PDB file of N, CA and C in Angstrom:
ATOM      1  N   MET A   1     -20.020  -1.631  10.134  1.00  0.00           N
ATOM      2  CA  MET A   1     -19.260  -1.981   8.937  1.00  0.00           C
ATOM      3  C   MET A   1     -18.369  -3.190   9.265  1.00  0.00           C
ATOM      4  N   ASN A   2     -18.348  -4.169   8.412  1.00  0.00           N
ATOM      5  CA  ASN A   2     -17.549  -5.360   8.663  1.00  0.00           C
ATOM      6  C   ASN A   2     -16.239  -5.325   7.863  1.00  0.00           C
ATOM      7  N   GLU A   3     -15.410  -6.345   8.066  1.00  0.00           N
ATOM      8  CA  GLU A   3     -14.094  -6.396   7.421  1.00  0.00           C
ATOM      9  C   GLU A   3     -14.180  -6.475   5.906  1.00  0.00           C
ATOM     10  N   LYS A   4     -15.231  -7.093   5.394  1.00  0.00           N
ATOM     11  CA  LYS A   4     -15.364  -7.211   3.943  1.00  0.00           C
ATOM     12  C   LYS A   4     -15.642  -5.872   3.295  1.00  0.00           C
ATOM     13  N   GLN A   5     -16.183  -4.927   4.068  1.00  0.00           N
ATOM     14  CA  GLN A   5     -16.515  -3.613   3.531  1.00  0.00           C
ATOM     15  C   GLN A   5     -15.489  -2.546   3.906  1.00  0.00           C
ATOM     16  N   THR A   6     -14.651  -2.802   4.894  1.00  0.00           N
ATOM     17  CA  THR A   6     -13.698  -1.804   5.367  1.00  0.00           C
ATOM     18  C   THR A   6     -12.547  -1.681   4.379  1.00  0.00           C
ATOM     19  N   ILE A   7     -12.431  -0.513   3.778  1.00  0.00           N
ATOM     20  CA  ILE A   7     -11.366  -0.256   2.815  1.00  0.00           C
ATOM     21  C   ILE A   7     -10.124   0.208   3.568  1.00  0.00           C
ATOM     22  N   VAL A   8      -9.010  -0.486   3.385  1.00  0.00           N
ATOM     23  CA  VAL A   8      -7.738  -0.091   3.992  1.00  0.00           C
ATOM     24  C   VAL A   8      -6.969   0.788   3.024  1.00  0.00           C
ATOM     25  N   CYS A   9      -6.841   0.342   1.779  1.00  0.00           N
ATOM     26  CA  CYS A   9      -6.136   1.111   0.754  1.00  0.00           C
ATOM     27  C   CYS A   9      -7.181   1.757  -0.148  1.00  0.00           C
ATOM     28  N   ARG A  10      -7.399   3.057   0.054  1.00  0.00           N
ATOM     29  CA  ARG A  10      -8.429   3.759  -0.710  1.00  0.00           C
ATOM     30  C   ARG A  10      -8.057   3.888  -2.185  1.00  0.00           C
ATOM     31  N   CYS A  11      -6.781   4.049  -2.471  1.00  0.00           N
ATOM     32  CA  CYS A  11      -6.349   4.251  -3.866  1.00  0.00           C
ATOM     33  C   CYS A  11      -6.615   3.015  -4.726  1.00  0.00           C
ATOM     34  N   GLU A  12      -6.334   1.843  -4.175  1.00  0.00           N
ATOM     35  CA  GLU A  12      -6.492   0.586  -4.917  1.00  0.00           C
ATOM     36  C   GLU A  12      -7.759  -0.173  -4.509  1.00  0.00           C
ATOM     37  N   GLU A  13      -8.533   0.379  -3.558  1.00  0.00           N
ATOM     38  CA  GLU A  13      -9.774  -0.217  -3.067  1.00  0.00           C
ATOM     39  C   GLU A  13      -9.579  -1.642  -2.555  1.00  0.00           C
ATOM     40  N   ILE A  14      -8.578  -1.811  -1.699  1.00  0.00           N
ATOM     41  CA  ILE A  14      -8.278  -3.112  -1.097  1.00  0.00           C
ATOM     42  C   ILE A  14      -8.895  -3.148   0.294  1.00  0.00           C
ATOM     43  N   THR A  15      -9.665  -4.186   0.563  1.00  0.00           N
ATOM     44  CA  THR A  15     -10.356  -4.294   1.850  1.00  0.00           C
ATOM     45  C   THR A  15      -9.480  -4.954   2.910  1.00  0.00           C
ATOM     46  N   MET A  16      -9.892  -4.761   4.162  1.00  0.00           N
ATOM     47  CA  MET A  16      -9.189  -5.385   5.278  1.00  0.00           C
ATOM     48  C   MET A  16      -9.259  -6.900   5.154  1.00  0.00           C
ATOM     49  N   ASN A  17     -10.381  -7.412   4.688  1.00  0.00           N
ATOM     50  CA  ASN A  17     -10.547  -8.852   4.526  1.00  0.00           C
ATOM     51  C   ASN A  17      -9.545  -9.414   3.510  1.00  0.00           C
ATOM     52  N   GLU A  18      -9.353  -8.716   2.393  1.00  0.00           N
ATOM     53  CA  GLU A  18      -8.380  -9.176   1.388  1.00  0.00           C
ATOM     54  C   GLU A  18      -6.969  -9.228   1.963  1.00  0.00           C
ATOM     55  N   ILE A  19      -6.615  -8.224   2.735  1.00  0.00           N
ATOM     56  CA  ILE A  19      -5.274  -8.179   3.327  1.00  0.00           C
ATOM     57  C   ILE A  19      -5.116  -9.283   4.355  1.00  0.00           C
ATOM     58  N   LYS A  20      -6.118  -9.464   5.218  1.00  0.00           N
ATOM     59  CA  LYS A  20      -6.050 -10.525   6.234  1.00  0.00           C
ATOM     60  C   LYS A  20      -5.946 -11.907   5.588  1.00  0.00           C
ATOM     61  N   GLU A  21      -6.740 -12.156   4.556  1.00  0.00           N
ATOM     62  CA  GLU A  21      -6.679 -13.448   3.872  1.00  0.00           C
ATOM     63  C   GLU A  21      -5.304 -13.691   3.255  1.00  0.00           C
ATOM     64  N   THR A  22      -4.723 -12.661   2.687  1.00  0.00           N
ATOM     65  CA  THR A  22      -3.390 -12.777   2.076  1.00  0.00           C
ATOM     66  C   THR A  22      -2.341 -13.096   3.131  1.00  0.00           C
ATOM     67  N   ILE A  23      -2.384 -12.399   4.257  1.00  0.00           N
ATOM     68  CA  ILE A  23      -1.420 -12.638   5.338  1.00  0.00           C
ATOM     69  C   ILE A  23      -1.573 -14.050   5.877  1.00  0.00           C
ATOM     70  N   GLU A  24      -2.804 -14.483   6.107  1.00  0.00           N
ATOM     71  CA  GLU A  24      -3.046 -15.818   6.658  1.00  0.00           C
ATOM     72  C   GLU A  24      -2.670 -16.919   5.682  1.00  0.00           C
ATOM     73  N   GLN A  25      -2.911 -16.712   4.411  1.00  0.00           N
ATOM     74  CA  GLN A  25      -2.622 -17.747   3.418  1.00  0.00           C
ATOM     75  C   GLN A  25      -1.121 -17.881   3.140  1.00  0.00           C
ATOM     76  N   PHE A  26      -0.422 -16.761   3.025  1.00  0.00           N
ATOM     77  CA  PHE A  26       0.976 -16.795   2.615  1.00  0.00           C
ATOM     78  C   PHE A  26       1.960 -16.480   3.735  1.00  0.00           C
ATOM     79  N   HIS A  27       1.469 -16.122   4.945  1.00  0.00           N
ATOM     80  CA  HIS A  27       2.338 -15.758   6.073  1.00  0.00           C
ATOM     81  C   HIS A  27       3.384 -14.747   5.614  1.00  0.00           C
ATOM     82  N   CYS A  28       2.923 -13.672   5.036  1.00  0.00           N
ATOM     83  CA  CYS A  28       3.847 -12.751   4.376  1.00  0.00           C
ATOM     84  C   CYS A  28       4.101 -11.477   5.158  1.00  0.00           C
ATOM     85  N   SER A  29       5.116 -10.769   4.717  1.00  0.00           N
ATOM     86  CA  SER A  29       5.512  -9.492   5.301  1.00  0.00           C
ATOM     87  C   SER A  29       4.693  -8.370   4.668  1.00  0.00           C
ATOM     88  N   SER A  30       4.891  -7.170   5.175  1.00  0.00           N
ATOM     89  CA  SER A  30       4.196  -6.003   4.623  1.00  0.00           C
ATOM     90  C   SER A  30       4.526  -5.821   3.151  1.00  0.00           C
ATOM     91  N   ARG A  31       5.783  -6.018   2.811  1.00  0.00           N
ATOM     92  CA  ARG A  31       6.208  -5.873   1.416  1.00  0.00           C
ATOM     93  C   ARG A  31       5.499  -6.891   0.522  1.00  0.00           C
ATOM     94  N   GLU A  32       5.397  -8.124   0.984  1.00  0.00           N
ATOM     95  CA  GLU A  32       4.716  -9.153   0.200  1.00  0.00           C
ATOM     96  C   GLU A  32       3.221  -8.858   0.064  1.00  0.00           C
ATOM     97  N   VAL A  33       2.617  -8.330   1.127  1.00  0.00           N
ATOM     98  CA  VAL A  33       1.206  -7.937   1.050  1.00  0.00           C
ATOM     99  C   VAL A  33       1.043  -6.886  -0.032  1.00  0.00           C
ATOM    100  N   LYS A  34       1.952  -5.938  -0.047  1.00  0.00           N
ATOM    101  CA  LYS A  34       1.906  -4.878  -1.060  1.00  0.00           C
ATOM    102  C   LYS A  34       2.003  -5.465  -2.465  1.00  0.00           C
ATOM    103  N   LEU A  35       2.918  -6.389  -2.665  1.00  0.00           N
ATOM    104  CA  LEU A  35       3.108  -6.973  -3.989  1.00  0.00           C
ATOM    105  C   LEU A  35       1.963  -7.893  -4.398  1.00  0.00           C
ATOM    106  N   ARG A  36       1.368  -8.606  -3.447  1.00  0.00           N
ATOM    107  CA  ARG A  36       0.289  -9.541  -3.771  1.00  0.00           C
ATOM    108  C   ARG A  36      -1.069  -8.869  -3.948  1.00  0.00           C
ATOM    109  N   THR A  37      -1.304  -7.760  -3.216  1.00  0.00           N
ATOM    110  CA  THR A  37      -2.631  -7.143  -3.257  1.00  0.00           C
ATOM    111  C   THR A  37      -2.660  -5.775  -3.928  1.00  0.00           C
ATOM    112  N   ARG A  38      -1.520  -5.150  -4.120  1.00  0.00           N
ATOM    113  CA  ARG A  38      -1.365  -3.791  -4.631  1.00  0.00           C
ATOM    114  C   ARG A  38      -1.729  -2.736  -3.594  1.00  0.00           C
ATOM    115  N   ALA A  39      -2.014  -3.135  -2.357  1.00  0.00           N
ATOM    116  CA  ALA A  39      -2.270  -2.157  -1.301  1.00  0.00           C
ATOM    117  C   ALA A  39      -1.000  -1.358  -1.068  1.00  0.00           C
ATOM    118  N   GLY A  40      -1.086  -0.056  -1.148  1.00  0.00           N
ATOM    119  CA  GLY A  40       0.083   0.797  -0.985  1.00  0.00           C
ATOM    120  C   GLY A  40       0.734   1.192  -2.291  1.00  0.00           C
ATOM    121  N   MET A  41       0.177   0.766  -3.412  1.00  0.00           N
ATOM    122  CA  MET A  41       0.748   1.083  -4.718  1.00  0.00           C
ATOM    123  C   MET A  41      -0.061   2.120  -5.481  1.00  0.00           C
ATOM    124  N   GLY A  42      -1.021   2.714  -4.819  1.00  0.00           N
ATOM    125  CA  GLY A  42      -1.870   3.699  -5.486  1.00  0.00           C
ATOM    126  C   GLY A  42      -1.214   5.061  -5.582  1.00  0.00           C
ATOM    127  N   SER A  43      -2.008   6.053  -5.877  1.00  0.00           N
ATOM    128  CA  SER A  43      -1.481   7.395  -6.106  1.00  0.00           C
ATOM    129  C   SER A  43      -0.860   8.018  -4.862  1.00  0.00           C
ATOM    130  N   CYS A  44      -1.253   7.597  -3.659  1.00  0.00           N
ATOM    131  CA  CYS A  44      -0.659   8.167  -2.442  1.00  0.00           C
ATOM    132  C   CYS A  44       0.638   7.466  -2.078  1.00  0.00           C
ATOM    133  N   GLY A  45       0.928   6.332  -2.711  1.00  0.00           N
ATOM    134  CA  GLY A  45       2.179   5.619  -2.446  1.00  0.00           C
ATOM    135  C   GLY A  45       2.244   4.976  -1.073  1.00  0.00           C
ATOM    136  N   GLY A  46       1.111   4.699  -0.464  1.00  0.00           N
ATOM    137  CA  GLY A  46       1.097   4.017   0.824  1.00  0.00           C
ATOM    138  C   GLY A  46       1.065   4.946   2.023  1.00  0.00           C
ATOM    139  N   ARG A  47       0.934   6.210   1.810  1.00  0.00           N
ATOM    140  CA  ARG A  47       0.936   7.151   2.931  1.00  0.00           C
ATOM    141  C   ARG A  47      -0.266   6.963   3.860  1.00  0.00           C
ATOM    142  N   THR A  48      -1.384   6.521   3.332  1.00  0.00           N
ATOM    143  CA  THR A  48      -2.572   6.371   4.175  1.00  0.00           C
ATOM    144  C   THR A  48      -2.764   4.955   4.713  1.00  0.00           C
ATOM    145  N   CYS A  49      -2.244   3.952   4.050  1.00  0.00           N
ATOM    146  CA  CYS A  49      -2.537   2.575   4.461  1.00  0.00           C
ATOM    147  C   CYS A  49      -1.335   1.795   4.988  1.00  0.00           C
ATOM    148  N   ARG A  50      -0.164   2.317   4.822  1.00  0.00           N
ATOM    149  CA  ARG A  50       1.035   1.549   5.185  1.00  0.00           C
ATOM    150  C   ARG A  50       1.054   1.128   6.649  1.00  0.00           C
ATOM    151  N   THR A  51       0.748   2.032   7.563  1.00  0.00           N
ATOM    152  CA  THR A  51       0.796   1.676   8.981  1.00  0.00           C
ATOM    153  C   THR A  51      -0.260   0.634   9.338  1.00  0.00           C
ATOM    154  N   VAL A  52      -1.423   0.704   8.706  1.00  0.00           N
ATOM    155  CA  VAL A  52      -2.476  -0.290   8.967  1.00  0.00           C
ATOM    156  C   VAL A  52      -2.014  -1.666   8.493  1.00  0.00           C
ATOM    157  N   ILE A  53      -1.394  -1.721   7.328  1.00  0.00           N
ATOM    158  CA  ILE A  53      -0.887  -2.989   6.795  1.00  0.00           C
ATOM    159  C   ILE A  53       0.192  -3.553   7.720  1.00  0.00           C
ATOM    160  N   ASP A  54       1.107  -2.698   8.169  1.00  0.00           N
ATOM    161  CA  ASP A  54       2.154  -3.131   9.099  1.00  0.00           C
ATOM    162  C   ASP A  54       1.558  -3.725  10.365  1.00  0.00           C
ATOM    163  N   ARG A  55       0.546  -3.080  10.939  1.00  0.00           N
ATOM    164  CA  ARG A  55      -0.086  -3.570  12.168  1.00  0.00           C
ATOM    165  C   ARG A  55      -0.827  -4.880  11.928  1.00  0.00           C
ATOM    166  N   LEU A  56      -1.504  -5.007  10.805  1.00  0.00           N
ATOM    167  CA  LEU A  56      -2.209  -6.264  10.509  1.00  0.00           C
ATOM    168  C   LEU A  56      -1.215  -7.419  10.380  1.00  0.00           C
ATOM    169  N   VAL A  57      -0.099  -7.185   9.716  1.00  0.00           N
ATOM    170  CA  VAL A  57       0.926  -8.229   9.580  1.00  0.00           C
ATOM    171  C   VAL A  57       1.441  -8.619  10.962  1.00  0.00           C
ATOM    172  N   GLU A  58       1.689  -7.629  11.796  1.00  0.00           N
ATOM    173  CA  GLU A  58       2.188  -7.892  13.144  1.00  0.00           C
ATOM    174  C   GLU A  58       1.179  -8.689  13.963  1.00  0.00           C
ATOM    175  N   GLN A  59      -0.095  -8.324  13.911  1.00  0.00           N
ATOM    176  CA  GLN A  59      -1.146  -8.997  14.684  1.00  0.00           C
ATOM    177  C   GLN A  59      -1.427 -10.411  14.210  1.00  0.00           C
ATOM    178  N   LEU A  60      -1.330 -10.642  12.902  1.00  0.00           N
ATOM    179  CA  LEU A  60      -1.710 -11.947  12.357  1.00  0.00           C
ATOM    180  C   LEU A  60      -0.537 -12.904  12.200  1.00  0.00           C
ATOM    181  N   GLY A  61       0.615 -12.515  12.716  1.00  0.00           N
ATOM    182  CA  GLY A  61       1.738 -13.442  12.733  1.00  0.00           C
ATOM    183  C   GLY A  61       2.485 -13.580  11.430  1.00  0.00           C
ATOM    184  N   GLY A  62       2.430 -12.575  10.599  1.00  0.00           N
ATOM    185  CA  GLY A  62       3.234 -12.588   9.379  1.00  0.00           C
ATOM    186  C   GLY A  62       4.692 -12.355   9.730  1.00  0.00           C
ATOM    187  N   THR A  63       5.526 -12.183   8.730  1.00  0.00           N
ATOM    188  CA  THR A  63       6.935 -11.927   8.954  1.00  0.00           C
ATOM    189  C   THR A  63       7.095 -10.645   9.755  1.00  0.00           C
ATOM    190  N   ALA A  64       7.981 -10.664  10.746  1.00  0.00           N
ATOM    191  CA  ALA A  64       8.186  -9.498  11.613  1.00  0.00           C
ATOM    192  C   ALA A  64       8.608  -8.281  10.808  1.00  0.00           C
ATOM    193  N   ILE A  65       8.118  -7.140  11.202  1.00  0.00           N
ATOM    194  CA  ILE A  65       8.393  -5.899  10.497  1.00  0.00           C
ATOM    195  C   ILE A  65       9.851  -5.477  10.649  1.00  0.00           C
ATOM    196  N   SER A  66      10.437  -5.731  11.794  1.00  0.00           N
ATOM    197  CA  SER A  66      11.773  -5.214  12.089  1.00  0.00           C
ATOM    198  C   SER A  66      12.881  -5.814  11.231  1.00  0.00           C
ATOM    199  N   ASN A  67      12.700  -6.993  10.638  1.00  0.00           N
ATOM    200  CA  ASN A  67      13.790  -7.616   9.894  1.00  0.00           C
ATOM    201  C   ASN A  67      13.615  -7.558   8.381  1.00  0.00           C
ATOM    202  N   GLU A  68      12.768  -6.694   7.912  1.00  0.00           N
ATOM    203  CA  GLU A  68      12.563  -6.590   6.471  1.00  0.00           C
ATOM    204  C   GLU A  68      12.959  -5.216   5.973  1.00  0.00           C
ATOM    205  N   VAL A  69      13.109  -5.112   4.693  1.00  0.00           N
ATOM    206  CA  VAL A  69      13.365  -3.819   4.086  1.00  0.00           C
ATOM    207  C   VAL A  69      12.084  -3.008   4.203  1.00  0.00           C
ATOM    208  N   PRO A  70      12.148  -1.820   4.795  1.00  0.00           N
ATOM    209  CA  PRO A  70      10.916  -1.056   4.969  1.00  0.00           C
ATOM    210  C   PRO A  70      10.330  -0.625   3.632  1.00  0.00           C
ATOM    211  N   LEU A  71       9.011  -0.506   3.611  1.00  0.00           N
ATOM    212  CA  LEU A  71       8.349  -0.003   2.414  1.00  0.00           C
ATOM    213  C   LEU A  71       8.727   1.460   2.245  1.00  0.00           C
ATOM    214  N   SER A  72       8.900   1.879   1.031  1.00  0.00           N
ATOM    215  CA  SER A  72       9.265   3.271   0.798  1.00  0.00           C
ATOM    216  C   SER A  72       8.052   4.046   0.318  1.00  0.00           C
ATOM    217  N   TYR A  73       8.047   5.323   0.643  1.00  0.00           N
ATOM    218  CA  TYR A  73       6.992   6.204   0.164  1.00  0.00           C
ATOM    219  C   TYR A  73       7.381   6.707  -1.209  1.00  0.00           C
ATOM    220  N   ARG A  74       6.426   6.808  -2.084  1.00  0.00           N
ATOM    221  CA  ARG A  74       6.654   7.291  -3.442  1.00  0.00           C
ATOM    222  C   ARG A  74       5.916   8.602  -3.640  1.00  0.00           C
ATOM    223  N   PRO A  75       6.529   9.539  -4.358  1.00  0.00           N
ATOM    224  CA  PRO A  75       5.795  10.763  -4.648  1.00  0.00           C
ATOM    225  C   PRO A  75       4.610  10.442  -5.546  1.00  0.00           C
ATOM    226  N   PRO A  76       3.488  11.125  -5.337  1.00  0.00           N
ATOM    227  CA  PRO A  76       2.286  10.785  -6.101  1.00  0.00           C
ATOM    228  C   PRO A  76       2.359  11.167  -7.579  1.00  0.00           C
ATOM    229  N   VAL A  77       3.133  12.165  -7.913  1.00  0.00           N
ATOM    230  CA  VAL A  77       3.223  12.609  -9.304  1.00  0.00           C
ATOM    231  C   VAL A  77       4.653  13.011  -9.620  1.00  0.00           C
ATOM    232  N   ARG A  78       4.943  13.120 -10.891  1.00  0.00           N
ATOM    233  CA  ARG A  78       6.253  13.603 -11.319  1.00  0.00           C
ATOM    234  C   ARG A  78       6.154  15.091 -11.606  1.00  0.00           C
ATOM    235  N   PRO A  79       7.208  15.850 -11.292  1.00  0.00           N
ATOM    236  CA  PRO A  79       7.180  17.278 -11.610  1.00  0.00           C
ATOM    237  C   PRO A  79       7.154  17.494 -13.121  1.00  0.00           C
ATOM    238  N   VAL A  80       6.339  18.441 -13.554  1.00  0.00           N
ATOM    239  CA  VAL A  80       6.208  18.768 -14.965  1.00  0.00           C
ATOM    240  C   VAL A  80       6.308  20.288 -15.093  1.00  0.00           C
ATOM    241  N   SER A  81       7.030  20.742 -16.090  1.00  0.00           N
ATOM    242  CA  SER A  81       7.175  22.187 -16.275  1.00  0.00           C
ATOM    243  C   SER A  81       5.872  22.793 -16.800  1.00  0.00           C
ATOM    244  N   PHE A  82       5.667  24.070 -16.508  1.00  0.00           N
ATOM    245  CA  PHE A  82       4.483  24.761 -17.007  1.00  0.00           C
ATOM    246  C   PHE A  82       4.509  24.857 -18.531  1.00  0.00           C
ATOM    247  N   GLY A  83       5.696  24.981 -19.089  1.00  0.00           N
ATOM    248  CA  GLY A  83       5.819  25.041 -20.555  1.00  0.00           C
ATOM    249  C   GLY A  83       5.308  23.773 -21.208  1.00  0.00           C
ATOM    250  N   LEU A  84       5.606  22.640 -20.617  1.00  0.00           N
ATOM    251  CA  LEU A  84       5.140  21.365 -21.136  1.00  0.00           C
ATOM    252  C   LEU A  84       3.613  21.266 -21.034  1.00  0.00           C
ATOM    253  N   LEU A  85       3.069  21.733 -19.939  1.00  0.00           N
ATOM    254  CA  LEU A  85       1.607  21.707 -19.766  1.00  0.00           C
ATOM    255  C   LEU A  85       0.896  22.642 -20.731  1.00  0.00           C
ATOM    256  N   GLY A  86       1.524  23.788 -21.005  1.00  0.00           N
ATOM    257  CA  GLY A  86       0.897  24.769 -21.889  1.00  0.00           C
ATOM    258  C   GLY A  86       1.150  24.530 -23.362  1.00  0.00           C
ATOM    259  N   GLY A  87       1.970  23.542 -23.688  1.00  0.00           N
ATOM    260  CA  GLY A  87       2.260  23.217 -25.063  1.00  0.00           C
ATOM    261  C   GLY A  87       3.392  24.034 -25.686  1.00  0.00           C
ATOM    262  N   GLU A  88       4.026  24.865 -24.884  1.00  0.00           N
ATOM    263  CA  GLU A  88       5.150  25.643 -25.407  1.00  0.00           C
ATOM    264  C   GLU A  88       6.400  24.791 -25.408  1.00  0.00           C
ATOM    265  N   LYS A  89       7.207  24.938 -26.413  1.00  0.00           N
ATOM    266  CA  LYS A  89       8.465  24.198 -26.470  1.00  0.00           C
ATOM    267  C   LYS A  89       9.517  24.940 -25.690  1.00  0.00           C
ATOM    268  N   GLU A  90      10.312  24.203 -24.987  1.00  0.00           N
ATOM    269  CA  GLU A  90      11.353  24.821 -24.154  1.00  0.00           C
ATOM    270  C   GLU A  90      12.632  24.964 -24.925  1.00  0.00           C
TER     271      GLU A  90
END
């Protein structure tokens, strides 16, 4: 499997090649990669791809990870009451 086929962010279907091209073109940080490619913005909130993105930025000479605001994890869903799901009014 090559870089063009290797999926880093499964939720948004972003390949390793897309992330590498973004880092090389814009010399960006992990946060900028997230904003430019949507990698890490899917339903898992970056739990599966965040570390891979951080390592790629570090290897390809993007902005250092240590001096940026860290990416935050987001909960995948909002809590919903059973009454709301069942159509009952609370």
